[in-house]
C-alpha atoms as a PDB file:
ATOM      1  CA  UNK A   1      27.408 -24.264 -19.075  1.00  0.00           C
ATOM      2  CA  UNK A   2      25.363 -27.084 -20.600  1.00  0.00           C
ATOM      3  CA  UNK A   3      23.314 -27.668 -23.755  1.00  0.00           C
ATOM      4  CA  UNK A   4      19.950 -29.186 -22.877  1.00  0.00           C
ATOM      5  CA  UNK A   5      17.238 -30.574 -25.161  1.00  0.00           C
ATOM      6  CA  UNK A   6      13.854 -29.427 -23.895  1.00  0.00           C
ATOM      7  CA  UNK A   7      10.897 -31.695 -24.734  1.00  0.00           C
ATOM      8  CA  UNK A   8       7.775 -30.022 -26.128  1.00  0.00           C
ATOM      9  CA  UNK A   9       4.262 -30.878 -27.179  1.00  0.00           C
ATOM     10  CA  UNK A  10       0.962 -30.544 -25.294  1.00  0.00           C
ATOM     11  CA  UNK A  11       1.654 -30.236 -21.579  1.00  0.00           C
ATOM     12  CA  UNK A  12       5.383 -29.858 -22.174  1.00  0.00           C
ATOM     13  CA  UNK A  13       7.631 -28.515 -19.408  1.00  0.00           C
ATOM     14  CA  UNK A  14       8.330 -24.816 -19.050  1.00  0.00           C
ATOM     15  CA  UNK A  15      11.880 -23.547 -19.369  1.00  0.00           C
ATOM     16  CA  UNK A  16      11.775 -23.007 -15.601  1.00  0.00           C
ATOM     17  CA  UNK A  17      10.862 -26.679 -15.140  1.00  0.00           C
ATOM     18  CA  UNK A  18      13.958 -27.648 -17.132  1.00  0.00           C
ATOM     19  CA  UNK A  19      16.119 -25.347 -15.023  1.00  0.00           C
ATOM     20  CA  UNK A  20      14.721 -26.989 -11.872  1.00  0.00           C
ATOM     21  CA  UNK A  21      15.641 -30.449 -13.202  1.00  0.00           C
ATOM     22  CA  UNK A  22      19.188 -29.262 -13.926  1.00  0.00           C
ATOM     23  CA  UNK A  23      19.419 -27.708 -10.462  1.00  0.00           C
ATOM     24  CA  UNK A  24      18.600 -31.072  -8.935  1.00  0.00           C
ATOM     25  CA  UNK A  25      21.051 -32.840 -11.228  1.00  0.00           C
ATOM     26  CA  UNK A  26      23.870 -30.423 -10.345  1.00  0.00           C
ATOM     27  CA  UNK A  27      22.960 -29.886  -6.702  1.00  0.00           C
ATOM     28  CA  UNK A  28      23.043 -26.081  -6.981  1.00  0.00           C
ATOM     29  CA  UNK A  29      20.518 -23.254  -7.088  1.00  0.00           C
ATOM     30  CA  UNK A  30      22.687 -21.074  -9.332  1.00  0.00           C
ATOM     31  CA  UNK A  31      21.250 -22.168 -12.662  1.00  0.00           C
ATOM     32  CA  UNK A  32      19.678 -20.130 -15.465  1.00  0.00           C
ATOM     33  CA  UNK A  33      19.299 -20.152 -19.246  1.00  0.00           C
ATOM     34  CA  UNK A  34      19.883 -17.967 -22.304  1.00  0.00           C
ATOM     35  CA  UNK A  35      16.316 -17.697 -23.548  1.00  0.00           C
ATOM     36  CA  UNK A  36      12.877 -19.051 -22.730  1.00  0.00           C
ATOM     37  CA  UNK A  37      11.060 -21.650 -24.807  1.00  0.00           C
ATOM     38  CA  UNK A  38       7.271 -21.866 -24.490  1.00  0.00           C
ATOM     39  CA  UNK A  39       5.972 -25.114 -22.922  1.00  0.00           C
ATOM     40  CA  UNK A  40       4.639 -26.531 -26.213  1.00  0.00           C
ATOM     41  CA  UNK A  41       7.948 -25.751 -27.990  1.00  0.00           C
ATOM     42  CA  UNK A  42      10.915 -28.111 -28.019  1.00  0.00           C
ATOM     43  CA  UNK A  43      14.589 -27.708 -28.662  1.00  0.00           C
ATOM     44  CA  UNK A  44      17.798 -26.202 -27.390  1.00  0.00           C
ATOM     45  CA  UNK A  45      18.173 -24.438 -24.056  1.00  0.00           C
ATOM     46  CA  UNK A  46      21.638 -23.137 -23.220  1.00  0.00           C
ATOM     47  CA  UNK A  47      21.920 -23.609 -19.466  1.00  0.00           C
ATOM     48  CA  UNK A  48      24.351 -21.598 -17.339  1.00  0.00           C
ATOM     49  CA  UNK A  49      25.355 -22.695 -13.850  1.00  0.00           C
ATOM     50  CA  UNK A  50      27.443 -21.403 -10.966  1.00  0.00           C
ATOM     51  CA  UNK A  51      29.554 -18.357 -11.732  1.00  0.00           C
ATOM     52  CA  UNK A  52      28.805 -18.804 -15.421  1.00  0.00           C
ATOM     53  CA  UNK A  53      25.348 -17.321 -14.750  1.00  0.00           C
ATOM     54  CA  UNK A  54      27.077 -13.937 -14.537  1.00  0.00           C
ATOM     55  CA  UNK A  55      28.348 -14.324 -18.121  1.00  0.00           C
ATOM     56  CA  UNK A  56      24.892 -14.688 -19.676  1.00  0.00           C
ATOM     57  CA  UNK A  57      24.606 -10.988 -20.671  1.00  0.00           C
ATOM     58  CA  UNK A  58      27.638 -11.363 -22.955  1.00  0.00           C
ATOM     59  CA  UNK A  59      25.772 -13.961 -25.034  1.00  0.00           C
ATOM     60  CA  UNK A  60      22.413 -12.174 -25.002  1.00  0.00           C
ATOM     61  CA  UNK A  61      22.921 -10.883 -28.561  1.00  0.00           C
ATOM     62  CA  UNK A  62      23.266 -14.347 -30.119  1.00  0.00           C
ATOM     63  CA  UNK A  63      20.768 -15.152 -32.848  1.00  0.00           C
ATOM     64  CA  UNK A  64      18.553 -18.246 -32.704  1.00  0.00           C
ATOM     65  CA  UNK A  65      17.384 -20.698 -35.360  1.00  0.00           C
ATOM     66  CA  UNK A  66      14.085 -22.573 -35.453  1.00  0.00           C
ATOM     67  CA  UNK A  67      12.046 -25.114 -37.392  1.00  0.00           C
ATOM     68  CA  UNK A  68       8.307 -24.637 -37.072  1.00  0.00           C
ATOM     69  CA  UNK A  69       4.812 -24.859 -38.501  1.00  0.00           C
ATOM     70  CA  UNK A  70       2.474 -21.940 -39.195  1.00  0.00           C
ATOM     71  CA  UNK A  71      -1.155 -23.063 -39.370  1.00  0.00           C
ATOM     72  CA  UNK A  72      -3.376 -20.864 -41.523  1.00  0.00           C
ATOM     73  CA  UNK A  73      -7.083 -20.342 -41.006  1.00  0.00           C
ATOM     74  CA  UNK A  74      -7.320 -19.538 -37.309  1.00  0.00           C
ATOM     75  CA  UNK A  75      -6.068 -16.897 -34.889  1.00  0.00           C
ATOM     76  CA  UNK A  76      -5.773 -17.610 -31.173  1.00  0.00           C
ATOM     77  CA  UNK A  77      -5.501 -15.632 -27.942  1.00  0.00           C
ATOM     78  CA  UNK A  78      -1.881 -16.716 -27.471  1.00  0.00           C
ATOM     79  CA  UNK A  79      -0.881 -16.695 -31.152  1.00  0.00           C
ATOM     80  CA  UNK A  80      -0.067 -20.406 -30.844  1.00  0.00           C
ATOM     81  CA  UNK A  81      -1.785 -23.766 -30.726  1.00  0.00           C
ATOM     82  CA  UNK A  82      -2.337 -23.616 -26.942  1.00  0.00           C
ATOM     83  CA  UNK A  83      -4.688 -20.625 -27.087  1.00  0.00           C
ATOM     84  CA  UNK A  84      -8.415 -20.256 -27.562  1.00  0.00           C
ATOM     85  CA  UNK A  85      -9.569 -19.583 -31.106  1.00  0.00           C
ATOM     86  CA  UNK A  86     -10.499 -15.976 -31.765  1.00  0.00           C
ATOM     87  CA  UNK A  87     -11.409 -16.115 -35.451  1.00  0.00           C
ATOM     88  CA  UNK A  88     -11.376 -18.588 -38.337  1.00  0.00           C
ATOM     89  CA  UNK A  89     -11.105 -18.204 -42.099  1.00  0.00           C
ATOM     90  CA  UNK A  90     -11.266 -20.338 -45.213  1.00  0.00           C
ATOM     91  CA  UNK A  91      -9.135 -17.885 -47.211  1.00  0.00           C
ATOM     92  CA  UNK A  92      -6.211 -20.317 -47.225  1.00  0.00           C
ATOM     93  CA  UNK A  93      -8.029 -22.739 -49.520  1.00  0.00           C
ATOM     94  CA  UNK A  94      -6.600 -22.621 -52.990  1.00  0.00           C
ATOM     95  CA  UNK A  95      -3.647 -20.506 -51.901  1.00  0.00           C
ATOM     96  CA  UNK A  96      -0.529 -21.338 -53.928  1.00  0.00           C
ATOM     97  CA  UNK A  97       3.074 -21.723 -52.850  1.00  0.00           C
ATOM     98  CA  UNK A  98       4.225 -18.646 -54.764  1.00  0.00           C
ATOM     99  CA  UNK A  99       1.902 -16.371 -52.813  1.00  0.00           C
ATOM    100  CA  UNK A 100       3.112 -17.796 -49.502  1.00  0.00           C
ATOM    101  CA  UNK A 101       6.762 -17.396 -50.456  1.00  0.00           C
ATOM    102  CA  UNK A 102       6.145 -13.787 -51.455  1.00  0.00           C
ATOM    103  CA  UNK A 103       4.542 -13.126 -48.068  1.00  0.00           C
ATOM    104  CA  UNK A 104       7.526 -14.644 -46.255  1.00  0.00           C
ATOM    105  CA  UNK A 105       9.915 -12.545 -48.341  1.00  0.00           C
ATOM    106  CA  UNK A 106       8.399  -9.393 -46.854  1.00  0.00           C
ATOM    107  CA  UNK A 107       9.440 -10.375 -43.325  1.00  0.00           C
ATOM    108  CA  UNK A 108      13.138 -10.884 -44.019  1.00  0.00           C
ATOM    109  CA  UNK A 109      15.305  -8.141 -42.595  1.00  0.00           C
ATOM    110  CA  UNK A 110      14.191  -5.763 -39.851  1.00  0.00           C
ATOM    111  CA  UNK A 111      10.523  -5.247 -39.080  1.00  0.00           C
ATOM    112  CA  UNK A 112       8.529  -3.830 -36.178  1.00  0.00           C
ATOM    113  CA  UNK A 113       6.998  -6.781 -34.361  1.00  0.00           C
ATOM    114  CA  UNK A 114       4.247  -6.617 -31.750  1.00  0.00           C
ATOM    115  CA  UNK A 115       4.876  -9.172 -28.973  1.00  0.00           C
ATOM    116  CA  UNK A 116       2.000 -11.524 -28.104  1.00  0.00           C
ATOM    117  CA  UNK A 117      -0.528 -10.445 -25.511  1.00  0.00           C
ATOM    118  CA  UNK A 118       0.495 -13.546 -23.547  1.00  0.00           C
ATOM    119  CA  UNK A 119       4.172 -12.665 -23.175  1.00  0.00           C
ATOM    120  CA  UNK A 120       6.588 -11.554 -20.475  1.00  0.00           C
ATOM    121  CA  UNK A 121       6.876  -8.053 -21.937  1.00  0.00           C
ATOM    122  CA  UNK A 122       6.094  -5.446 -19.285  1.00  0.00           C
ATOM    123  CA  UNK A 123       3.314  -2.920 -19.728  1.00  0.00           C
ATOM    124  CA  UNK A 124       3.264  -0.180 -17.096  1.00  0.00           C
ATOM    125  CA  UNK A 125       5.512  -2.338 -14.936  1.00  0.00           C
ATOM    126  CA  UNK A 126       3.422  -5.522 -15.149  1.00  0.00           C
ATOM    127  CA  UNK A 127       3.887  -8.607 -17.324  1.00  0.00           C
ATOM    128  CA  UNK A 128       1.560  -8.582 -20.307  1.00  0.00           C
ATOM    129  CA  UNK A 129       0.413 -12.167 -19.731  1.00  0.00           C
ATOM    130  CA  UNK A 130      -0.861 -11.279 -16.250  1.00  0.00           C
ATOM    131  CA  UNK A 131      -3.034  -8.530 -17.670  1.00  0.00           C
ATOM    132  CA  UNK A 132      -4.243 -10.834 -20.459  1.00  0.00           C
ATOM    133  CA  UNK A 133      -5.179 -13.542 -17.960  1.00  0.00           C
ATOM    134  CA  UNK A 134      -7.386 -11.014 -16.154  1.00  0.00           C
ATOM    135  CA  UNK A 135      -9.243 -10.428 -19.401  1.00  0.00           C
ATOM    136  CA  UNK A 136      -7.712  -7.037 -20.139  1.00  0.00           C
ATOM    137  CA  UNK A 137      -7.165  -5.961 -23.730  1.00  0.00           C
ATOM    138  CA  UNK A 138      -3.384  -6.110 -24.112  1.00  0.00           C
ATOM    139  CA  UNK A 139      -1.411  -4.635 -27.023  1.00  0.00           C
ATOM    140  CA  UNK A 140       2.328  -4.487 -26.295  1.00  0.00           C
ATOM    141  CA  UNK A 141       4.052  -1.815 -28.386  1.00  0.00           C
ATOM    142  CA  UNK A 142       5.933  -3.024 -31.482  1.00  0.00           C
ATOM    143  CA  UNK A 143       9.710  -3.255 -31.397  1.00  0.00           C
ATOM    144  CA  UNK A 144      12.278  -3.883 -34.125  1.00  0.00           C
ATOM    145  CA  UNK A 145      13.449  -7.469 -34.670  1.00  0.00           C
ATOM    146  CA  UNK A 146      15.771  -8.986 -37.250  1.00  0.00           C
ATOM    147  CA  UNK A 147      14.766 -11.976 -39.389  1.00  0.00           C
ATOM    148  CA  UNK A 148      17.939 -13.166 -41.083  1.00  0.00           C
ATOM    149  CA  UNK A 149      16.461 -16.307 -42.622  1.00  0.00           C
ATOM    150  CA  UNK A 150      12.857 -17.261 -43.308  1.00  0.00           C
ATOM    151  CA  UNK A 151      12.316 -20.152 -45.708  1.00  0.00           C
ATOM    152  CA  UNK A 152       9.295 -22.237 -46.616  1.00  0.00           C
ATOM    153  CA  UNK A 153      10.343 -25.804 -45.785  1.00  0.00           C
ATOM    154  CA  UNK A 154       7.051 -27.555 -46.568  1.00  0.00           C
ATOM    155  CA  UNK A 155       3.706 -26.645 -48.100  1.00  0.00           C
ATOM    156  CA  UNK A 156       0.733 -28.744 -46.960  1.00  0.00           C
ATOM    157  CA  UNK A 157      -2.199 -26.362 -46.506  1.00  0.00           C
ATOM    158  CA  UNK A 158      -3.285 -25.198 -44.051  1.00  0.00           C
ATOM    159  CA  UNK A 159       0.184 -25.911 -42.607  1.00  0.00           C
ATOM    160  CA  UNK A 160       3.332 -24.076 -43.666  1.00  0.00           C
ATOM    161  CA  UNK A 161       6.583 -25.608 -42.462  1.00  0.00           C
ATOM    162  CA  UNK A 162       9.335 -23.028 -42.104  1.00  0.00           C
ATOM    163  CA  UNK A 163      12.945 -22.472 -41.076  1.00  0.00           C
ATOM    164  CA  UNK A 164      13.924 -19.169 -39.476  1.00  0.00           C
ATOM    165  CA  UNK A 165      16.950 -17.461 -38.006  1.00  0.00           C
ATOM    166  CA  UNK A 166      16.077 -14.445 -35.900  1.00  0.00           C
ATOM    167  CA  UNK A 167      17.552 -11.954 -33.478  1.00  0.00           C
ATOM    168  CA  UNK A 168      17.250 -12.406 -29.746  1.00  0.00           C
ATOM    169  CA  UNK A 169      13.885 -11.174 -28.513  1.00  0.00           C
ATOM    170  CA  UNK A 170      11.949 -12.189 -31.629  1.00  0.00           C
ATOM    171  CA  UNK A 171       8.640 -13.964 -30.988  1.00  0.00           C
ATOM    172  CA  UNK A 172       7.964 -16.770 -33.463  1.00  0.00           C
ATOM    173  CA  UNK A 173       4.333 -16.729 -32.332  1.00  0.00           C
ATOM    174  CA  UNK A 174       4.084 -13.123 -33.469  1.00  0.00           C
ATOM    175  CA  UNK A 175       5.807 -13.960 -36.747  1.00  0.00           C
ATOM    176  CA  UNK A 176       3.220 -16.687 -37.423  1.00  0.00           C
ATOM    177  CA  UNK A 177       0.389 -14.268 -36.592  1.00  0.00           C
ATOM    178  CA  UNK A 178       1.851 -11.584 -38.843  1.00  0.00           C
ATOM    179  CA  UNK A 179       2.343 -13.969 -41.770  1.00  0.00           C
ATOM    180  CA  UNK A 180      -1.303 -14.983 -41.439  1.00  0.00           C
ATOM    181  CA  UNK A 181      -2.378 -11.337 -41.504  1.00  0.00           C
ATOM    182  CA  UNK A 182      -0.237 -10.685 -44.594  1.00  0.00           C
ATOM    183  CA  UNK A 183      -1.939 -13.600 -46.352  1.00  0.00           C
ATOM    184  CA  UNK A 184      -5.396 -12.481 -45.279  1.00  0.00           C
ATOM    185  CA  UNK A 185      -6.114 -15.889 -43.760  1.00  0.00           C
ATOM    186  CA  UNK A 186      -5.173 -15.559 -40.105  1.00  0.00           C
ATOM    187  CA  UNK A 187      -2.662 -17.949 -38.558  1.00  0.00           C
ATOM    188  CA  UNK A 188      -1.052 -19.213 -35.390  1.00  0.00           C
ATOM    189  CA  UNK A 189       2.103 -21.121 -34.511  1.00  0.00           C
ATOM    190  CA  UNK A 190       1.327 -24.841 -34.467  1.00  0.00           C
ATOM    191  CA  UNK A 191       4.771 -26.301 -33.687  1.00  0.00           C
ATOM    192  CA  UNK A 192       8.266 -25.025 -32.886  1.00  0.00           C
ATOM    193  CA  UNK A 193      11.729 -26.493 -32.366  1.00  0.00           C
ATOM    194  CA  UNK A 194      14.747 -24.355 -31.541  1.00  0.00           C
ATOM    195  CA  UNK A 195      17.674 -25.830 -33.442  1.00  0.00           C
ATOM    196  CA  UNK A 196      20.470 -23.383 -32.656  1.00  0.00           C
ATOM    197  CA  UNK A 197      21.513 -20.663 -30.199  1.00  0.00           C
ATOM    198  CA  UNK A 198      24.535 -18.722 -31.385  1.00  0.00           C
ATOM    199  CA  UNK A 199      27.260 -21.292 -32.128  1.00  0.00           C
ATOM    200  CA  UNK A 200      25.499 -24.177 -30.345  1.00  0.00           C
ATOM    201  CA  UNK A 201      23.240 -26.725 -32.030  1.00  0.00           C
ATOM    202  CA  UNK A 202      20.456 -28.986 -30.807  1.00  0.00           C
ATOM    203  CA  UNK A 203      22.396 -32.065 -31.981  1.00  0.00           C
ATOM    204  CA  UNK A 204      24.927 -31.382 -29.199  1.00  0.00           C
ATOM    205  CA  UNK A 205      22.297 -31.238 -26.446  1.00  0.00           C
ATOM    206  CA  UNK A 206      21.441 -33.798 -23.760  1.00  0.00           C
ATOM    207  CA  UNK A 207      18.381 -34.442 -21.608  1.00  0.00           C
ATOM    208  CA  UNK A 208      18.104 -32.268 -18.480  1.00  0.00           C
ATOM    209  CA  UNK A 209      18.628 -35.285 -16.216  1.00  0.00           C
ATOM    210  CA  UNK A 210      21.857 -36.163 -18.051  1.00  0.00           C
ATOM    211  CA  UNK A 211      23.609 -32.942 -17.029  1.00  0.00           C
ATOM    212  CA  UNK A 212      26.363 -33.646 -14.486  1.00  0.00           C
ATOM    213  CA  UNK A 213      29.021 -31.393 -12.929  1.00  0.00           C
ATOM    214  CA  UNK A 214      31.703 -33.248 -14.868  1.00  0.00           C
ATOM    215  CA  UNK A 215      29.913 -32.724 -18.176  1.00  0.00           C
ATOM    216  CA  UNK A 216      29.632 -28.942 -17.945  1.00  0.00           C
ATOM    217  CA  UNK A 217      31.252 -27.072 -20.802  1.00  0.00           C
ATOM    218  CA  UNK A 218      33.848 -24.328 -20.470  1.00  0.00           C
ATOM    219  CA  UNK A 219      32.039 -21.078 -19.535  1.00  0.00           C
ATOM    220  CA  UNK A 220      34.583 -19.232 -21.696  1.00  0.00           C
ATOM    221  CA  UNK A 221      32.409 -20.237 -24.663  1.00  0.00           C
ATOM    222  CA  UNK A 222      29.927 -17.598 -23.528  1.00  0.00           C
ATOM    223  CA  UNK A 223      32.454 -14.804 -24.153  1.00  0.00           C
ATOM    224  CA  UNK A 224      33.897 -16.160 -27.384  1.00  0.00           C
ATOM    225  CA  UNK A 225      32.925 -12.952 -29.217  1.00  0.00           C
ATOM    226  CA  UNK A 226      34.955 -10.697 -26.915  1.00  0.00           C
ATOM    227  CA  UNK A 227      38.566  -9.611 -27.450  1.00  0.00           C
ATOM    228  CA  UNK A 228      40.924 -11.849 -25.479  1.00  0.00           C
ATOM    229  CA  UNK A 229      43.849 -10.906 -23.237  1.00  0.00           C
ATOM    230  CA  UNK A 230      46.262 -13.295 -21.494  1.00  0.00           C
ATOM    231  CA  UNK A 231      47.372 -12.437 -17.960  1.00  0.00           C
ATOM    232  CA  UNK A 232      50.523 -13.359 -16.122  1.00  0.00           C
ATOM    233  CA  UNK A 233      50.412 -14.663 -12.551  1.00  0.00           C
ATOM    234  CA  UNK A 234      50.596 -11.168 -11.062  1.00  0.00           C
ATOM    235  CA  UNK A 235      47.820  -9.983 -13.351  1.00  0.00           C
ATOM    236  CA  UNK A 236      45.604 -12.890 -12.377  1.00  0.00           C
ATOM    237  CA  UNK A 237      46.105 -12.158  -8.677  1.00  0.00           C
ATOM    238  CA  UNK A 238      45.319  -8.485  -9.210  1.00  0.00           C
ATOM    239  CA  UNK A 239      42.103  -9.169 -11.109  1.00  0.00           C
ATOM    240  CA  UNK A 240      40.822 -11.732  -8.609  1.00  0.00           C
ATOM    241  CA  UNK A 241      41.361  -9.256  -5.771  1.00  0.00           C
ATOM    242  CA  UNK A 242      39.589  -6.446  -7.573  1.00  0.00           C
ATOM    243  CA  UNK A 243      42.585  -4.454  -8.730  1.00  0.00           C
ATOM    244  CA  UNK A 244      42.888  -3.065 -12.280  1.00  0.00           C
ATOM    245  CA  UNK A 245      45.599  -4.182 -14.656  1.00  0.00           C
ATOM    246  CA  UNK A 246      47.274  -2.194 -17.447  1.00  0.00           C
ATOM    247  CA  UNK A 247      45.299  -2.335 -20.674  1.00  0.00           C
ATOM    248  CA  UNK A 248      48.368  -2.544 -22.894  1.00  0.00           C
ATOM    249  CA  UNK A 249      47.977  -2.818 -26.636  1.00  0.00           C
ATOM    250  CA  UNK A 250      45.618  -4.872 -28.773  1.00  0.00           C
ATOM    251  CA  UNK A 251      42.589  -4.783 -26.449  1.00  0.00           C
ATOM    252  CA  UNK A 252      40.645  -2.073 -28.216  1.00  0.00           C
ATOM    253  CA  UNK A 253      39.795   1.403 -27.042  1.00  0.00           C
ATOM    254  CA  UNK A 254      36.475   0.646 -25.375  1.00  0.00           C
ATOM    255  CA  UNK A 255      34.196  -2.231 -24.455  1.00  0.00           C
ATOM    256  CA  UNK A 256      34.733  -5.529 -22.699  1.00  0.00           C
ATOM    257  CA  UNK A 257      37.730  -7.863 -22.747  1.00  0.00           C
ATOM    258  CA  UNK A 258      37.904 -11.528 -21.693  1.00  0.00           C
ATOM    259  CA  UNK A 259      40.874 -12.090 -19.391  1.00  0.00           C
ATOM    260  CA  UNK A 260      42.561 -15.505 -19.367  1.00  0.00           C
ATOM    261  CA  UNK A 261      45.354 -17.101 -17.385  1.00  0.00           C
ATOM    262  CA  UNK A 262      46.908 -20.372 -18.438  1.00  0.00           C
ATOM    263  CA  UNK A 263      44.053 -21.006 -20.853  1.00  0.00           C
ATOM    264  CA  UNK A 264      41.321 -20.505 -18.235  1.00  0.00           C
ATOM    265  CA  UNK A 265      38.847 -17.636 -18.126  1.00  0.00           C
ATOM    266  CA  UNK A 266      39.505 -15.420 -15.124  1.00  0.00           C
ATOM    267  CA  UNK A 267      37.182 -12.476 -15.652  1.00  0.00           C
ATOM    268  CA  UNK A 268      35.523 -10.105 -18.069  1.00  0.00           C
ATOM    269  CA  UNK A 269      36.918  -6.604 -17.756  1.00  0.00           C
ATOM    270  CA  UNK A 270      36.096  -3.194 -19.157  1.00  0.00           C
ATOM    271  CA  UNK A 271      38.694  -0.793 -20.441  1.00  0.00           C
ATOM    272  CA  UNK A 272      38.699   2.468 -18.481  1.00  0.00           C
ATOM    273  CA  UNK A 273      41.408   4.790 -19.707  1.00  0.00           C
ATOM    274  CA  UNK A 274      44.702   2.928 -19.619  1.00  0.00           C
ATOM    275  CA  UNK A 275      43.557   0.087 -17.368  1.00  0.00           C
ATOM    276  CA  UNK A 276      41.225  -2.910 -17.433  1.00  0.00           C
ATOM    277  CA  UNK A 277      38.774  -3.135 -14.539  1.00  0.00           C
ATOM    278  CA  UNK A 278      37.149  -6.511 -13.865  1.00  0.00           C
ATOM    279  CA  UNK A 279      33.344  -6.398 -14.063  1.00  0.00           C
ATOM    280  CA  UNK A 280      32.675 -10.133 -13.747  1.00  0.00           C
ATOM    281  CA  UNK A 281      35.146 -12.472 -12.010  1.00  0.00           C
ATOM    282  CA  UNK A 282      34.591 -16.199 -12.580  1.00  0.00           C
ATOM    283  CA  UNK A 283      37.867 -17.707 -11.348  1.00  0.00           C
ATOM    284  CA  UNK A 284      38.200 -18.954  -7.805  1.00  0.00           C
ATOM    285  CA  UNK A 285      40.823 -17.396  -5.553  1.00  0.00           C
END
């Protein structure tokens, strides 16, 4: 696992481009990440490599934090600065800070968010962005998201600087669009930087080309939220060869358990009755 700082701005690389750079740096094709960033957006990508790619689902629930800019007065096809303008408004002129803060207040907590038309959400089995590129009218169905933090960081109309902490799967482009609708002025996302993913922060990240095999972090950090169980030598051998081990006490009644031997992650197992059955094995034989 590695923490990578993705550059942004006009013509910035896609998250897939960053993964390709890390693949070349590590000399392996088994590389992925824990959440896409749009090309114009910058910030933290948590990269997983090798057997650690199989642990990504156990970190999928991590929240993410962002710094960004909502620009009032214009809506776009993509809900961000890269899209074509759909409509403009002068309603933002004379708007005061109190009104903006009240609008932001309404989005804290859980709300039903409609993903952007240009998104990877599937509609009838096809990515929404593919339909949108063909000129189809696309309206992905809303889905609940959690906005834990949403603060106005700067007020320089028509730009609203903000800080947000959101659940996985939240679109900041949609949040910008929805804030603009709430204010009656229209808006799009003008800039975005991801500053945190779960426990990891952008300040810890390195450039994609700086990732080396020796600099990879312990993949056990991806399962830090799971209950932990230490194995003896016989238990390690059993798990690696696909055999269950006794669940014992202190591992909970259900769910997943991270299995360690001598301080190293061996596998993630699931409790089935009185035994633990390995679902993902990361240790070498």
